[in-house]
Amino acid sequence: MTRIVLVTGGARSGKSTFAERRAAQEGGAVTYLATAQAFDDEMHERIGRHIADRPAGWRTLEEPLHVAGALRTVITPTALLDCLSLWVSNALLAGWTEQTVLDATCELLDVARTRAGLTVFVTNEVGSGIVPDNALARLYRDVLGRVNQRAATASDDAYLIASGLPLTLKGTSP
């Protein structure tokens, strides 16, 4: 059975922890599709902590840009993509236009809809803060907001995580 779950929230809200628990509840093998890139020591350390926190049997697939293609290769019953926020950032910094990102989002969601099993997407909610003071940051906020809307529409279940607590936006309660 195909199922899509979206997990959103602010920085350090507990999104990844919640998403990992949700993925683990399915039982069976999980592929963790990671979009983060380590450009400095702090990010290397952060990625290392994330890897150490995952169950030992989970497979990790790192892909900063072409996530739809990477998701197509996943054969485990559960896929967890963490996160759409970094993916959008990676894409914009790589020179992708807003339309290219939105087209890639449609492709990603099509892949998630057609694969057997559960796909969990993690993303940041960036629309609740102040208006950014520069054009790139505003573009990022706007594009990610549109990506998040598309992912939420496509999802069967959607959760907002605040202070480690889930609020069900759509679908079944955790």
N, C-alpha and C. Protein backbone atom coordinates (compact mmCIF):
# COMPACT_ATOMS: atom_id res chain seq x y z
N MET A 1 0.84 -1.18 0.00
CA MET A 1 0.00 0.00 0.00
C MET A 1 0.89 1.25 0.00
N THR A 2 0.58 2.19 -0.85
CA THR A 2 1.33 3.44 -0.93
C THR A 2 0.79 4.42 0.10
N ARG A 3 1.72 5.04 0.83
CA ARG A 3 1.32 6.04 1.83
C ARG A 3 2.42 7.10 1.88
N ILE A 4 2.00 8.38 1.95
CA ILE A 4 2.93 9.50 2.06
C ILE A 4 2.65 10.24 3.35
N VAL A 5 3.70 10.50 4.11
CA VAL A 5 3.60 11.24 5.37
C VAL A 5 4.51 12.45 5.28
N LEU A 6 4.00 13.61 5.66
CA LEU A 6 4.79 14.84 5.72
C LEU A 6 4.95 15.24 7.18
N VAL A 7 6.19 15.54 7.57
CA VAL A 7 6.49 15.99 8.93
C VAL A 7 7.17 17.34 8.81
N THR A 8 6.56 18.37 9.41
CA THR A 8 7.11 19.72 9.33
C THR A 8 7.20 20.33 10.72
N GLY A 9 7.93 21.41 10.82
CA GLY A 9 8.09 22.12 12.08
C GLY A 9 9.31 23.03 11.98
N GLY A 10 9.58 23.73 13.04
CA GLY A 10 10.72 24.64 13.07
C GLY A 10 12.02 23.92 13.38
N ALA A 11 13.09 24.69 13.39
CA ALA A 11 14.40 24.15 13.72
C ALA A 11 14.39 23.58 15.14
N ARG A 12 14.97 22.40 15.29
CA ARG A 12 15.10 21.73 16.59
C ARG A 12 13.74 21.43 17.23
N SER A 13 12.71 21.26 16.42
CA SER A 13 11.38 20.98 16.96
C SER A 13 11.17 19.51 17.28
N GLY A 14 12.01 18.64 16.72
CA GLY A 14 11.84 17.20 16.89
C GLY A 14 11.30 16.51 15.65
N LYS A 15 11.35 17.19 14.51
CA LYS A 15 10.83 16.64 13.25
C LYS A 15 11.48 15.32 12.88
N SER A 16 12.80 15.31 12.84
CA SER A 16 13.52 14.11 12.41
C SER A 16 13.26 12.95 13.36
N THR A 17 13.26 13.21 14.64
CA THR A 17 13.00 12.16 15.62
C THR A 17 11.62 11.57 15.42
N PHE A 18 10.62 12.44 15.24
CA PHE A 18 9.26 11.97 15.00
C PHE A 18 9.19 11.16 13.71
N ALA A 19 9.80 11.67 12.65
CA ALA A 19 9.77 10.98 11.35
C ALA A 19 10.44 9.62 11.44
N GLU A 20 11.56 9.54 12.15
CA GLU A 20 12.25 8.27 12.30
C GLU A 20 11.40 7.27 13.09
N ARG A 21 10.72 7.74 14.13
CA ARG A 21 9.83 6.85 14.88
C ARG A 21 8.69 6.36 13.99
N ARG A 22 8.15 7.27 13.19
CA ARG A 22 7.05 6.91 12.27
C ARG A 22 7.52 5.87 11.26
N ALA A 23 8.70 6.05 10.72
CA ALA A 23 9.25 5.10 9.76
C ALA A 23 9.48 3.74 10.42
N ALA A 24 10.00 3.75 11.63
CA ALA A 24 10.30 2.51 12.34
C ALA A 24 9.02 1.74 12.69
N GLN A 25 7.92 2.44 12.90
CA GLN A 25 6.64 1.79 13.24
C GLN A 25 6.16 0.86 12.13
N GLU A 26 6.56 1.11 10.91
CA GLU A 26 6.13 0.30 9.78
C GLU A 26 6.70 -1.10 9.85
N GLY A 27 7.82 -1.24 10.54
CA GLY A 27 8.51 -2.52 10.54
C GLY A 27 9.20 -2.71 9.19
N GLY A 28 10.10 -3.60 9.11
CA GLY A 28 10.80 -3.83 7.86
C GLY A 28 11.93 -2.84 7.65
N ALA A 29 12.56 -2.97 6.51
CA ALA A 29 13.74 -2.17 6.20
C ALA A 29 13.36 -0.73 5.85
N VAL A 30 14.28 0.17 6.18
CA VAL A 30 14.08 1.60 5.91
C VAL A 30 15.30 2.12 5.16
N THR A 31 15.05 2.94 4.14
CA THR A 31 16.11 3.68 3.47
C THR A 31 15.96 5.14 3.86
N TYR A 32 17.04 5.69 4.39
CA TYR A 32 17.10 7.09 4.80
C TYR A 32 17.76 7.86 3.67
N LEU A 33 16.98 8.70 3.00
CA LEU A 33 17.47 9.51 1.89
C LEU A 33 17.87 10.87 2.45
N ALA A 34 19.18 11.11 2.52
CA ALA A 34 19.73 12.31 3.16
C ALA A 34 20.11 13.34 2.11
N THR A 35 19.67 14.59 2.33
CA THR A 35 19.97 15.66 1.38
C THR A 35 21.05 16.61 1.88
N ALA A 36 21.47 16.47 3.13
CA ALA A 36 22.45 17.38 3.71
C ALA A 36 23.82 17.20 3.08
N GLN A 37 24.54 18.30 2.99
CA GLN A 37 25.92 18.30 2.53
C GLN A 37 26.78 18.92 3.63
N ALA A 38 27.92 18.32 3.89
CA ALA A 38 28.80 18.81 4.94
C ALA A 38 29.87 19.70 4.33
N PHE A 39 29.72 20.99 4.51
CA PHE A 39 30.70 21.95 3.99
C PHE A 39 31.64 22.46 5.08
N ASP A 40 31.36 22.08 6.33
CA ASP A 40 32.22 22.53 7.43
C ASP A 40 32.21 21.48 8.54
N ASP A 41 33.06 21.67 9.53
CA ASP A 41 33.18 20.70 10.62
C ASP A 41 31.89 20.54 11.41
N GLU A 42 31.21 21.64 11.66
CA GLU A 42 29.97 21.58 12.44
C GLU A 42 28.94 20.72 11.72
N MET A 43 28.83 20.86 10.40
CA MET A 43 27.86 20.07 9.65
C MET A 43 28.29 18.60 9.59
N HIS A 44 29.59 18.33 9.49
CA HIS A 44 30.07 16.95 9.57
C HIS A 44 29.63 16.32 10.89
N GLU A 45 29.79 17.05 11.96
CA GLU A 45 29.41 16.56 13.29
C GLU A 45 27.90 16.34 13.39
N ARG A 46 27.13 17.27 12.86
CA ARG A 46 25.67 17.17 12.90
C ARG A 46 25.20 15.93 12.12
N ILE A 47 25.76 15.73 10.94
CA ILE A 47 25.39 14.57 10.12
C ILE A 47 25.79 13.29 10.85
N GLY A 48 26.97 13.28 11.46
CA GLY A 48 27.42 12.12 12.23
C GLY A 48 26.47 11.77 13.36
N ARG A 49 25.95 12.77 14.05
CA ARG A 49 24.98 12.52 15.13
C ARG A 49 23.70 11.92 14.57
N HIS A 50 23.23 12.44 13.45
CA HIS A 50 22.02 11.90 12.83
C HIS A 50 22.22 10.43 12.46
N ILE A 51 23.36 10.12 11.88
CA ILE A 51 23.64 8.73 11.48
C ILE A 51 23.70 7.83 12.71
N ALA A 52 24.37 8.29 13.76
CA ALA A 52 24.50 7.50 14.98
C ALA A 52 23.15 7.24 15.65
N ASP A 53 22.21 8.16 15.49
CA ASP A 53 20.89 8.02 16.12
C ASP A 53 19.98 7.05 15.38
N ARG A 54 20.30 6.73 14.13
CA ARG A 54 19.44 5.83 13.34
C ARG A 54 19.69 4.38 13.72
N PRO A 55 18.64 3.56 13.59
CA PRO A 55 18.84 2.12 13.82
C PRO A 55 19.91 1.56 12.90
N ALA A 56 20.66 0.61 13.39
CA ALA A 56 21.81 0.06 12.66
C ALA A 56 21.44 -0.54 11.31
N GLY A 57 20.26 -1.11 11.18
CA GLY A 57 19.89 -1.78 9.94
C GLY A 57 19.40 -0.87 8.83
N TRP A 58 19.25 0.40 9.12
CA TRP A 58 18.74 1.31 8.09
C TRP A 58 19.82 1.59 7.05
N ARG A 59 19.38 1.65 5.82
CA ARG A 59 20.27 1.99 4.71
C ARG A 59 20.25 3.51 4.54
N THR A 60 21.40 4.11 4.26
CA THR A 60 21.47 5.54 4.01
C THR A 60 21.86 5.77 2.56
N LEU A 61 21.13 6.66 1.91
CA LEU A 61 21.39 7.04 0.54
C LEU A 61 21.52 8.56 0.53
N GLU A 62 22.69 9.07 0.19
CA GLU A 62 22.93 10.52 0.19
C GLU A 62 22.75 11.07 -1.22
N GLU A 63 21.85 12.06 -1.34
CA GLU A 63 21.61 12.70 -2.63
C GLU A 63 21.13 14.13 -2.38
N PRO A 64 21.99 15.11 -2.64
CA PRO A 64 21.62 16.50 -2.35
C PRO A 64 20.70 17.16 -3.37
N LEU A 65 20.64 16.65 -4.59
CA LEU A 65 19.87 17.33 -5.65
C LEU A 65 18.81 16.47 -6.33
N HIS A 66 19.19 15.34 -6.83
CA HIS A 66 18.30 14.55 -7.68
C HIS A 66 17.55 13.50 -6.85
N VAL A 67 16.66 14.01 -5.98
CA VAL A 67 16.01 13.15 -5.00
C VAL A 67 14.96 12.24 -5.62
N ALA A 68 14.29 12.67 -6.68
CA ALA A 68 13.30 11.80 -7.32
C ALA A 68 13.99 10.56 -7.89
N GLY A 69 15.11 10.76 -8.56
CA GLY A 69 15.86 9.62 -9.09
C GLY A 69 16.35 8.71 -8.00
N ALA A 70 16.81 9.29 -6.89
CA ALA A 70 17.27 8.48 -5.77
C ALA A 70 16.12 7.69 -5.16
N LEU A 71 14.97 8.34 -5.00
CA LEU A 71 13.80 7.64 -4.43
C LEU A 71 13.37 6.49 -5.34
N ARG A 72 13.50 6.67 -6.64
CA ARG A 72 13.16 5.60 -7.59
C ARG A 72 13.98 4.33 -7.35
N THR A 73 15.19 4.48 -6.81
CA THR A 73 16.06 3.32 -6.60
C THR A 73 15.80 2.60 -5.28
N VAL A 74 14.98 3.18 -4.42
CA VAL A 74 14.73 2.61 -3.09
C VAL A 74 13.86 1.36 -3.23
N ILE A 75 14.33 0.26 -2.66
CA ILE A 75 13.57 -0.99 -2.73
C ILE A 75 13.04 -1.42 -1.36
N THR A 76 13.41 -0.72 -0.31
CA THR A 76 12.89 -1.04 1.02
C THR A 76 11.43 -0.60 1.11
N PRO A 77 10.65 -1.22 2.02
CA PRO A 77 9.24 -0.84 2.15
C PRO A 77 9.03 0.60 2.62
N THR A 78 10.02 1.16 3.31
CA THR A 78 9.88 2.51 3.84
C THR A 78 11.07 3.36 3.39
N ALA A 79 10.75 4.58 2.96
CA ALA A 79 11.76 5.58 2.61
C ALA A 79 11.50 6.83 3.43
N LEU A 80 12.57 7.39 3.98
CA LEU A 80 12.47 8.62 4.76
C LEU A 80 13.40 9.64 4.12
N LEU A 81 12.85 10.73 3.60
CA LEU A 81 13.65 11.78 2.99
C LEU A 81 13.79 12.93 3.98
N ASP A 82 15.01 13.18 4.41
CA ASP A 82 15.29 14.24 5.39
C ASP A 82 16.42 15.09 4.82
N CYS A 83 16.14 16.25 4.28
CA CYS A 83 14.87 16.93 4.31
C CYS A 83 14.63 17.75 3.04
N LEU A 84 13.38 18.07 2.81
CA LEU A 84 13.02 18.91 1.67
C LEU A 84 13.64 20.30 1.80
N SER A 85 13.79 20.79 3.00
CA SER A 85 14.34 22.14 3.24
C SER A 85 15.76 22.26 2.70
N LEU A 86 16.60 21.30 3.05
CA LEU A 86 17.98 21.33 2.55
C LEU A 86 18.03 21.06 1.05
N TRP A 87 17.14 20.20 0.57
CA TRP A 87 17.09 19.94 -0.85
C TRP A 87 16.79 21.22 -1.64
N VAL A 88 15.81 21.99 -1.20
CA VAL A 88 15.47 23.25 -1.88
C VAL A 88 16.65 24.21 -1.81
N SER A 89 17.30 24.30 -0.66
CA SER A 89 18.47 25.14 -0.52
C SER A 89 19.57 24.70 -1.49
N ASN A 90 19.84 23.41 -1.52
CA ASN A 90 20.85 22.87 -2.43
C ASN A 90 20.52 23.23 -3.88
N ALA A 91 19.26 23.07 -4.25
CA ALA A 91 18.84 23.32 -5.63
C ALA A 91 19.00 24.79 -6.00
N LEU A 92 18.56 25.68 -5.12
CA LEU A 92 18.68 27.11 -5.42
C LEU A 92 20.14 27.53 -5.50
N LEU A 93 20.97 27.02 -4.60
CA LEU A 93 22.40 27.36 -4.63
C LEU A 93 23.10 26.75 -5.85
N ALA A 94 22.52 25.69 -6.41
CA ALA A 94 23.06 25.08 -7.63
C ALA A 94 22.58 25.81 -8.89
N GLY A 95 21.77 26.84 -8.70
CA GLY A 95 21.31 27.63 -9.84
C GLY A 95 19.97 27.22 -10.42
N TRP A 96 19.26 26.30 -9.76
CA TRP A 96 17.95 25.92 -10.25
C TRP A 96 16.99 27.09 -10.12
N THR A 97 16.11 27.24 -11.07
CA THR A 97 15.07 28.27 -10.98
C THR A 97 13.93 27.76 -10.10
N GLU A 98 13.06 28.67 -9.71
CA GLU A 98 11.89 28.25 -8.94
C GLU A 98 11.09 27.21 -9.71
N GLN A 99 10.89 27.44 -11.00
CA GLN A 99 10.11 26.49 -11.79
C GLN A 99 10.77 25.13 -11.87
N THR A 100 12.10 25.10 -11.97
CA THR A 100 12.82 23.83 -12.00
C THR A 100 12.61 23.08 -10.68
N VAL A 101 12.66 23.78 -9.56
CA VAL A 101 12.44 23.15 -8.26
C VAL A 101 11.01 22.62 -8.17
N LEU A 102 10.04 23.41 -8.61
CA LEU A 102 8.64 22.97 -8.53
C LEU A 102 8.38 21.78 -9.45
N ASP A 103 8.98 21.78 -10.63
CA ASP A 103 8.86 20.63 -11.53
C ASP A 103 9.48 19.39 -10.90
N ALA A 104 10.65 19.55 -10.29
CA ALA A 104 11.31 18.42 -9.61
C ALA A 104 10.48 17.93 -8.43
N THR A 105 9.78 18.85 -7.77
CA THR A 105 8.89 18.47 -6.67
C THR A 105 7.76 17.59 -7.18
N CYS A 106 7.16 17.99 -8.30
CA CYS A 106 6.09 17.18 -8.89
C CYS A 106 6.60 15.79 -9.24
N GLU A 107 7.80 15.72 -9.81
CA GLU A 107 8.40 14.43 -10.14
C GLU A 107 8.61 13.60 -8.87
N LEU A 108 9.15 14.22 -7.83
CA LEU A 108 9.39 13.52 -6.57
C LEU A 108 8.09 12.97 -5.99
N LEU A 109 7.05 13.79 -5.99
CA LEU A 109 5.76 13.34 -5.43
C LEU A 109 5.14 12.25 -6.29
N ASP A 110 5.32 12.32 -7.60
CA ASP A 110 4.84 11.24 -8.49
C ASP A 110 5.54 9.93 -8.16
N VAL A 111 6.85 9.99 -7.94
CA VAL A 111 7.60 8.78 -7.57
C VAL A 111 7.08 8.23 -6.25
N ALA A 112 6.85 9.10 -5.27
CA ALA A 112 6.36 8.67 -3.96
C ALA A 112 4.97 8.04 -4.08
N ARG A 113 4.12 8.60 -4.95
CA ARG A 113 2.77 8.07 -5.14
C ARG A 113 2.76 6.70 -5.81
N THR A 114 3.77 6.41 -6.61
CA THR A 114 3.76 5.17 -7.37
C THR A 114 4.60 4.06 -6.75
N ARG A 115 5.40 4.37 -5.73
CA ARG A 115 6.20 3.31 -5.11
C ARG A 115 5.35 2.60 -4.06
N ALA A 116 5.56 1.31 -3.92
CA ALA A 116 4.86 0.55 -2.90
C ALA A 116 5.50 0.86 -1.55
N GLY A 117 4.68 1.10 -0.55
CA GLY A 117 5.18 1.33 0.79
C GLY A 117 5.01 2.75 1.25
N LEU A 118 5.70 3.06 2.33
CA LEU A 118 5.60 4.36 3.00
C LEU A 118 6.75 5.26 2.59
N THR A 119 6.42 6.51 2.27
CA THR A 119 7.44 7.53 2.06
C THR A 119 7.17 8.65 3.06
N VAL A 120 8.19 8.99 3.84
CA VAL A 120 8.08 10.05 4.84
C VAL A 120 8.98 11.20 4.39
N PHE A 121 8.40 12.40 4.31
CA PHE A 121 9.15 13.60 3.96
C PHE A 121 9.26 14.48 5.20
N VAL A 122 10.45 14.98 5.46
CA VAL A 122 10.68 15.93 6.55
C VAL A 122 10.98 17.28 5.91
N THR A 123 10.43 18.35 6.49
CA THR A 123 10.69 19.70 5.97
C THR A 123 10.56 20.72 7.09
N ASN A 124 11.16 21.87 6.88
CA ASN A 124 11.03 22.95 7.84
C ASN A 124 9.86 23.85 7.47
N GLU A 125 9.17 24.32 8.47
CA GLU A 125 8.15 25.35 8.29
C GLU A 125 8.86 26.68 8.41
N VAL A 126 8.98 27.39 7.31
CA VAL A 126 9.73 28.65 7.32
C VAL A 126 8.84 29.87 7.13
N GLY A 127 7.54 29.68 7.01
CA GLY A 127 6.65 30.80 6.74
C GLY A 127 6.14 31.51 7.98
N SER A 128 6.51 31.07 9.16
CA SER A 128 5.98 31.67 10.38
C SER A 128 6.88 32.76 10.95
N GLY A 129 8.04 32.95 10.35
CA GLY A 129 8.99 33.93 10.88
C GLY A 129 8.86 35.28 10.19
N ILE A 130 9.86 36.08 10.39
CA ILE A 130 9.88 37.42 9.79
C ILE A 130 10.21 37.31 8.31
N VAL A 131 9.90 38.37 7.58
CA VAL A 131 10.26 38.43 6.17
C VAL A 131 11.78 38.61 6.09
N PRO A 132 12.46 37.70 5.38
CA PRO A 132 13.92 37.81 5.28
C PRO A 132 14.36 39.13 4.66
N ASP A 133 15.57 39.55 4.98
CA ASP A 133 16.05 40.87 4.55
C ASP A 133 16.80 40.86 3.22
N ASN A 134 16.91 39.67 2.56
CA ASN A 134 17.60 39.66 1.28
C ASN A 134 16.86 38.80 0.28
N ALA A 135 17.13 39.04 -0.99
CA ALA A 135 16.37 38.41 -2.07
C ALA A 135 16.51 36.88 -2.08
N LEU A 136 17.73 36.36 -1.87
CA LEU A 136 17.91 34.91 -1.89
C LEU A 136 17.13 34.25 -0.76
N ALA A 137 17.17 34.82 0.42
CA ALA A 137 16.44 34.25 1.56
C ALA A 137 14.93 34.32 1.33
N ARG A 138 14.45 35.39 0.73
CA ARG A 138 13.02 35.50 0.42
C ARG A 138 12.62 34.46 -0.64
N LEU A 139 13.48 34.30 -1.66
CA LEU A 139 13.21 33.30 -2.68
C LEU A 139 13.15 31.91 -2.06
N TYR A 140 14.12 31.61 -1.19
CA TYR A 140 14.14 30.31 -0.51
C TYR A 140 12.85 30.09 0.27
N ARG A 141 12.47 31.07 1.07
CA ARG A 141 11.24 30.94 1.87
C ARG A 141 10.04 30.70 0.98
N ASP A 142 9.94 31.46 -0.11
CA ASP A 142 8.79 31.34 -1.00
C ASP A 142 8.76 29.99 -1.72
N VAL A 143 9.91 29.57 -2.25
CA VAL A 143 9.96 28.30 -2.97
C VAL A 143 9.70 27.14 -2.01
N LEU A 144 10.33 27.14 -0.84
CA LEU A 144 10.09 26.06 0.11
C LEU A 144 8.63 26.04 0.54
N GLY A 145 8.03 27.21 0.73
CA GLY A 145 6.62 27.25 1.06
C GLY A 145 5.76 26.58 0.00
N ARG A 146 6.08 26.82 -1.26
CA ARG A 146 5.32 26.19 -2.35
C ARG A 146 5.59 24.68 -2.42
N VAL A 147 6.84 24.28 -2.21
CA VAL A 147 7.17 22.85 -2.16
C VAL A 147 6.41 22.18 -1.02
N ASN A 148 6.40 22.81 0.15
CA ASN A 148 5.70 22.24 1.30
C ASN A 148 4.20 22.11 1.04
N GLN A 149 3.61 23.11 0.38
CA GLN A 149 2.18 23.03 0.06
C GLN A 149 1.89 21.84 -0.84
N ARG A 150 2.73 21.65 -1.84
CA ARG A 150 2.54 20.51 -2.75
C ARG A 150 2.70 19.18 -2.01
N ALA A 151 3.70 19.10 -1.16
CA ALA A 151 3.93 17.87 -0.39
C ALA A 151 2.77 17.60 0.57
N ALA A 152 2.26 18.64 1.20
CA ALA A 152 1.13 18.47 2.12
C ALA A 152 -0.12 18.01 1.38
N THR A 153 -0.35 18.58 0.22
CA THR A 153 -1.51 18.18 -0.57
C THR A 153 -1.41 16.72 -0.98
N ALA A 154 -0.21 16.28 -1.36
CA ALA A 154 0.00 14.90 -1.81
C ALA A 154 0.01 13.89 -0.67
N SER A 155 0.21 14.36 0.55
CA SER A 155 0.38 13.44 1.67
C SER A 155 -0.95 12.87 2.15
N ASP A 156 -0.85 11.67 2.73
CA ASP A 156 -2.00 11.06 3.39
C ASP A 156 -2.11 11.55 4.83
N ASP A 157 -0.96 11.73 5.46
CA ASP A 157 -0.88 12.23 6.83
C ASP A 157 0.13 13.38 6.85
N ALA A 158 -0.17 14.41 7.63
CA ALA A 158 0.76 15.53 7.79
C ALA A 158 0.76 15.96 9.24
N TYR A 159 1.97 16.20 9.76
CA TYR A 159 2.13 16.56 11.16
C TYR A 159 2.99 17.80 11.29
N LEU A 160 2.61 18.69 12.19
CA LEU A 160 3.42 19.83 12.59
C LEU A 160 4.00 19.49 13.95
N ILE A 161 5.32 19.54 14.06
CA ILE A 161 5.98 19.24 15.33
C ILE A 161 6.38 20.56 15.98
N ALA A 162 5.98 20.74 17.22
CA ALA A 162 6.34 21.93 17.99
C ALA A 162 6.80 21.47 19.37
N SER A 163 8.00 21.85 19.75
CA SER A 163 8.57 21.47 21.05
C SER A 163 8.49 19.96 21.29
N GLY A 164 8.71 19.20 20.21
CA GLY A 164 8.71 17.76 20.31
C GLY A 164 7.34 17.10 20.30
N LEU A 165 6.29 17.90 20.22
CA LEU A 165 4.94 17.36 20.25
C LEU A 165 4.29 17.46 18.88
N PRO A 166 3.64 16.38 18.42
CA PRO A 166 3.01 16.40 17.10
C PRO A 166 1.58 16.96 17.14
N LEU A 167 1.28 17.75 16.16
CA LEU A 167 -0.07 18.23 15.93
C LEU A 167 -0.48 17.66 14.58
N THR A 168 -1.56 16.91 14.54
CA THR A 168 -2.02 16.31 13.29
C THR A 168 -2.68 17.38 12.44
N LEU A 169 -2.12 17.59 11.26
CA LEU A 169 -2.70 18.55 10.30
C LEU A 169 -3.65 17.85 9.34
N LYS A 170 -3.37 16.58 9.08
CA LYS A 170 -4.12 15.82 8.07
C LYS A 170 -3.95 14.35 8.35
N GLY A 171 -5.01 13.58 8.26
CA GLY A 171 -4.89 12.12 8.39
C GLY A 171 -5.06 11.64 9.80
N THR A 172 -4.32 10.59 10.14
CA THR A 172 -4.50 9.92 11.41
C THR A 172 -3.56 10.45 12.48
N SER A 173 -4.01 10.43 13.71
CA SER A 173 -3.16 10.86 14.83
C SER A 173 -2.08 9.83 15.08
N PRO A 174 -0.90 10.30 15.52
CA PRO A 174 0.21 9.37 15.76
C PRO A 174 -0.04 8.46 16.95
